[in-house]
Protein backbone atom coordinates (compact mmCIF):
# COMPACT_ATOMS: atom_id res chain seq x y z
CA UNK A 1 3.47 -10.28 -10.90
CA UNK A 2 0.72 -11.55 -8.77
CA UNK A 3 -2.02 -10.12 -7.24
CA UNK A 4 -1.75 -6.61 -5.09
CA UNK A 5 -1.79 -7.92 -1.01
CA UNK A 6 -3.29 -6.27 1.25
CA UNK A 7 -0.19 -4.49 3.62
CA UNK A 8 -0.06 -5.59 7.01
CA UNK A 9 -1.93 -3.05 9.38
CA UNK A 10 1.15 -2.93 11.66
CA UNK A 11 3.58 -1.59 9.32
CA UNK A 12 4.34 1.51 8.71
CA UNK A 13 7.81 3.60 8.34
CA UNK A 14 8.30 4.21 11.96
CA UNK A 15 7.69 -0.04 12.59
CA UNK A 16 9.16 -1.19 10.33
CA UNK A 17 12.64 -1.30 11.94
CA UNK A 18 11.64 -3.53 14.35
CA UNK A 19 11.26 -6.79 11.77
CA UNK A 20 13.89 -9.00 11.45
CA UNK A 21 15.88 -10.28 8.23
CA UNK A 22 13.16 -12.75 8.02
CA UNK A 23 10.32 -10.81 8.38
CA UNK A 24 11.11 -8.08 5.76
CA UNK A 25 12.06 -11.16 3.36
CA UNK A 26 9.15 -12.17 4.24
CA UNK A 27 6.81 -9.03 3.57
CA UNK A 28 8.99 -8.65 0.77
CA UNK A 29 8.24 -11.48 -0.91
CA UNK A 30 4.45 -12.09 0.14
CA UNK A 31 3.84 -8.27 -1.75
CA UNK A 32 5.57 -10.31 -4.85
CA UNK A 33 8.33 -6.95 -4.68
CA UNK A 34 11.36 -9.27 -4.12
CA UNK A 35 12.66 -9.62 -7.06
CA UNK A 36 12.27 -5.75 -7.69
CA UNK A 37 14.32 -4.54 -5.34
CA UNK A 38 17.13 -7.76 -5.49
CA UNK A 39 16.99 -9.00 -9.48
CA UNK A 40 18.46 -12.11 -9.45
CA UNK A 41 20.52 -10.99 -6.71
CA UNK A 42 20.83 -12.43 -3.91
CA UNK A 43 24.38 -11.36 -2.42
CA UNK A 44 23.84 -7.00 -1.18
CA UNK A 45 20.57 -8.83 0.08
CA UNK A 46 20.89 -8.59 3.98
CA UNK A 47 19.73 -6.28 6.94
CA UNK A 48 19.95 -2.50 5.96
CA UNK A 49 19.63 -3.47 2.01
CA UNK A 50 16.15 -4.80 2.69
CA UNK A 51 14.89 -1.92 5.70
CA UNK A 52 16.27 -0.05 2.31
CA UNK A 53 13.77 -1.91 -0.22
CA UNK A 54 10.63 -1.68 1.90
CA UNK A 55 11.12 1.89 3.74
CA UNK A 56 11.14 2.87 0.27
CA UNK A 57 7.49 0.43 0.06
CA UNK A 58 6.05 1.42 2.97
CA UNK A 59 6.78 5.39 1.32
CA UNK A 60 4.97 4.63 -2.37
CA UNK A 61 2.16 2.97 -0.44
CA UNK A 62 1.74 6.18 1.66
CA UNK A 63 2.01 8.38 -1.48
CA UNK A 64 -0.18 6.37 -2.89
CA UNK A 65 -2.61 6.21 -0.41
CA UNK A 66 -2.40 10.85 0.39
CA UNK A 67 -2.48 11.04 -3.35
CA UNK A 68 -5.88 9.47 -3.30
CA UNK A 69 -7.26 11.37 -0.55
């Protein structure tokens, strides 16, 4: 996995649904997390599964930020 990428400031669990399928996939790839959720299985990669993966990532980010505070 590559170095941690700074999350988009405009993206959170309340706004993630506004992203397109392309944007969701690009964001997961940018963060280096796409393979974590879709390990060699592009067949189940669609808007709903990408949204679920991105939402889970954002929730994990929020949890880690809350633990640091």
